[in-house]
Each structure stands twice: as structure tokens, then as C-alpha cells.
Amino acid sequence: MIIVTGGAGFISSNIVHALNARGYRDILIVDDLEDGENYKNLRGLHFIDYQHKDDFSPPRRGGDFDRDGHRRDLPRGRMLGYDGV
């Protein structure tokens, strides 16, 4: 699974789009959609779930995920994000 924090934002939603183009669908979007502004960025994207940022608990290092920065290489099991979630 790929976790994309801030996934409804302009940059991260385009990362999800690029992942979809490469065949990735096992994506969890973590963001805050309460204001409804960025929901439009998720239309047409394929992901398995959305989670509000306040309800998200990042996996521990050394498990299936490593916390890496935004816009790095995108193999399975990486967390992507830029908003500190």
C-alpha cells in the first residue's frame, strides 16, 4: 500500500494520478477535506481509501513502510507527503 499524505492537494493528487498511470491502485489518501476545496482534485483518481489526517496514525519505522519525503522514488510501501502529517 502507498500512503499519500496531503493527497487531495494539487501536487499530491498529481502524484496519485502518476501512480495510477503506472498501475498503482492500492493507495491511501490522508488529508483534511472538511472545507471541500480540494475534493475536486480526487475526482477520477483510483485509491482504496481516504482517511482524515487527525485519524491517521503513521506506521512505525521498520515495518511495511518507511517515512520518506515528498516526490522521491515511488516504490510500494513508501509514504509520500509534504504537509507534516
C-alpha atoms as a PDB file:
ATOM      1  CA  MET A   1       0.000   0.000   0.000  1.00  0.00           C
ATOM      2  CA  ILE A   2       1.141   3.534  -0.739  1.00  0.00           C
ATOM      3  CA  ILE A   3       0.114   6.274   1.686  1.00  0.00           C
ATOM      4  CA  VAL A   4      -0.086   9.779   0.262  1.00  0.00           C
ATOM      5  CA  THR A   5      -0.427  12.490   2.887  1.00  0.00           C
ATOM      6  CA  GLY A   6      -1.949  15.739   1.753  1.00  0.00           C
ATOM      7  CA  GLY A   7      -3.290  13.593  -1.086  1.00  0.00           C
ATOM      8  CA  ALA A   8      -6.109  15.939  -2.067  1.00  0.00           C
ATOM      9  CA  GLY A   9      -3.763  18.855  -2.636  1.00  0.00           C
ATOM     10  CA  PHE A  10      -2.659  19.878  -6.110  1.00  0.00           C
ATOM     11  CA  ILE A  11       0.817  18.343  -6.042  1.00  0.00           C
ATOM     12  CA  SER A  12      -0.034  15.133  -4.179  1.00  0.00           C
ATOM     13  CA  SER A  13      -3.162  14.497  -6.241  1.00  0.00           C
ATOM     14  CA  ASN A  14      -0.968  14.691  -9.330  1.00  0.00           C
ATOM     15  CA  ILE A  15       1.378  12.179  -7.717  1.00  0.00           C
ATOM     16  CA  VAL A  16      -1.626   9.882  -7.217  1.00  0.00           C
ATOM     17  CA  HIS A  17      -2.532  10.436 -10.866  1.00  0.00           C
ATOM     18  CA  ALA A  18       1.022   9.450 -11.887  1.00  0.00           C
ATOM     19  CA  LEU A  19       0.875   6.371  -9.656  1.00  0.00           C
ATOM     20  CA  ASN A  20      -2.449   5.403 -11.239  1.00  0.00           C
ATOM     21  CA  ALA A  21      -0.863   5.766 -14.689  1.00  0.00           C
ATOM     22  CA  ARG A  22       1.795   3.277 -13.559  1.00  0.00           C
ATOM     23  CA  GLY A  23      -0.884   0.833 -12.449  1.00  0.00           C
ATOM     24  CA  TYR A  24      -0.926   1.541  -8.718  1.00  0.00           C
ATOM     25  CA  ARG A  25      -4.385   1.438  -7.117  1.00  0.00           C
ATOM     26  CA  ASP A  26      -3.503   0.385  -3.554  1.00  0.00           C
ATOM     27  CA  ILE A  27      -3.267   3.985  -2.321  1.00  0.00           C
ATOM     28  CA  LEU A  28      -4.495   5.501   0.942  1.00  0.00           C
ATOM     29  CA  ILE A  29      -5.205   9.249   0.779  1.00  0.00           C
ATOM     30  CA  VAL A  30      -4.657  11.128   4.061  1.00  0.00           C
ATOM     31  CA  ASP A  31      -5.892  14.718   4.162  1.00  0.00           C
ATOM     32  CA  ASP A  32      -8.446  17.134   5.582  1.00  0.00           C
ATOM     33  CA  LEU A  33     -11.406  17.561   3.240  1.00  0.00           C
ATOM     34  CA  GLU A  34     -13.641  19.440   5.683  1.00  0.00           C
ATOM     35  CA  ASP A  35     -13.666  22.670   3.682  1.00  0.00           C
ATOM     36  CA  GLY A  36     -14.455  20.783   0.468  1.00  0.00           C
ATOM     37  CA  GLU A  37     -11.965  22.807  -1.567  1.00  0.00           C
ATOM     38  CA  ASN A  38      -9.626  20.023  -2.627  1.00  0.00           C
ATOM     39  CA  TYR A  39     -12.119  17.205  -3.083  1.00  0.00           C
ATOM     40  CA  LYS A  40     -12.270  18.068  -6.783  1.00  0.00           C
ATOM     41  CA  ASN A  41      -8.598  17.064  -7.082  1.00  0.00           C
ATOM     42  CA  LEU A  42      -9.533  13.460  -6.221  1.00  0.00           C
ATOM     43  CA  ARG A  43     -12.155  13.042  -8.959  1.00  0.00           C
ATOM     44  CA  GLY A  44     -11.173  10.369 -11.440  1.00  0.00           C
ATOM     45  CA  LEU A  45      -8.340   9.012  -9.272  1.00  0.00           C
ATOM     46  CA  HIS A  46      -8.177   5.393  -8.131  1.00  0.00           C
ATOM     47  CA  PHE A  47      -7.389   4.762  -4.466  1.00  0.00           C
ATOM     48  CA  ILE A  48      -8.581   2.236  -1.915  1.00  0.00           C
ATOM     49  CA  ASP A  49      -9.486   4.607   0.916  1.00  0.00           C
ATOM     50  CA  TYR A  50      -9.406   8.106   2.375  1.00  0.00           C
ATOM     51  CA  GLN A  51      -8.611   8.920   5.990  1.00  0.00           C
ATOM     52  CA  HIS A  52      -8.880  12.261   7.778  1.00  0.00           C
ATOM     53  CA  LYS A  53      -5.444  13.483   8.833  1.00  0.00           C
ATOM     54  CA  ASP A  54      -6.467  13.680  12.512  1.00  0.00           C
ATOM     55  CA  ASP A  55      -7.413   9.979  12.482  1.00  0.00           C
ATOM     56  CA  PHE A  56      -4.223   8.838  10.792  1.00  0.00           C
ATOM     57  CA  SER A  57      -1.535   7.104  12.796  1.00  0.00           C
ATOM     58  CA  PRO A  58       1.609   6.603  10.713  1.00  0.00           C
ATOM     59  CA  PRO A  59       3.097   3.120  10.666  1.00  0.00           C
ATOM     60  CA  ARG A  60       6.228   2.638  12.733  1.00  0.00           C
ATOM     61  CA  ARG A  61       9.598   2.716  11.053  1.00  0.00           C
ATOM     62  CA  GLY A  62      10.919  -0.687  10.214  1.00  0.00           C
ATOM     63  CA  GLY A  63       7.506  -2.126   9.377  1.00  0.00           C
ATOM     64  CA  ASP A  64       5.999  -2.255   5.926  1.00  0.00           C
ATOM     65  CA  PHE A  65       6.508   1.467   5.451  1.00  0.00           C
ATOM     66  CA  ASP A  66       9.380   3.926   5.646  1.00  0.00           C
ATOM     67  CA  ARG A  67       8.619   7.607   6.014  1.00  0.00           C
ATOM     68  CA  ASP A  68      10.221   9.340   3.073  1.00  0.00           C
ATOM     69  CA  GLY A  69       9.815  12.808   1.699  1.00  0.00           C
ATOM     70  CA  HIS A  70       7.605  14.164  -0.985  1.00  0.00           C
ATOM     71  CA  ARG A  71       8.345  13.472  -4.658  1.00  0.00           C
ATOM     72  CA  ARG A  72      11.029  10.864  -4.170  1.00  0.00           C
ATOM     73  CA  ASP A  73      11.108   7.467  -5.830  1.00  0.00           C
ATOM     74  CA  LEU A  74       7.747   5.741  -5.632  1.00  0.00           C
ATOM     75  CA  PRO A  75       8.128   2.023  -4.940  1.00  0.00           C
ATOM     76  CA  ARG A  76       5.472   0.149  -2.988  1.00  0.00           C
ATOM     77  CA  GLY A  77       5.492   0.781   0.733  1.00  0.00           C
ATOM     78  CA  ARG A  78       6.611   4.402   0.697  1.00  0.00           C
ATOM     79  CA  MET A  79       4.807   7.237   2.431  1.00  0.00           C
ATOM     80  CA  LEU A  80       4.620  10.423   0.425  1.00  0.00           C
ATOM     81  CA  GLY A  81       3.624  13.821   1.681  1.00  0.00           C
ATOM     82  CA  TYR A  82       4.576  17.391   2.235  1.00  0.00           C
ATOM     83  CA  ASP A  83       2.289  18.751   4.908  1.00  0.00           C
ATOM     84  CA  GLY A  84       3.798  17.213   8.024  1.00  0.00           C
ATOM     85  CA  VAL A  85       1.150  14.560   8.516  1.00  0.00           C
END
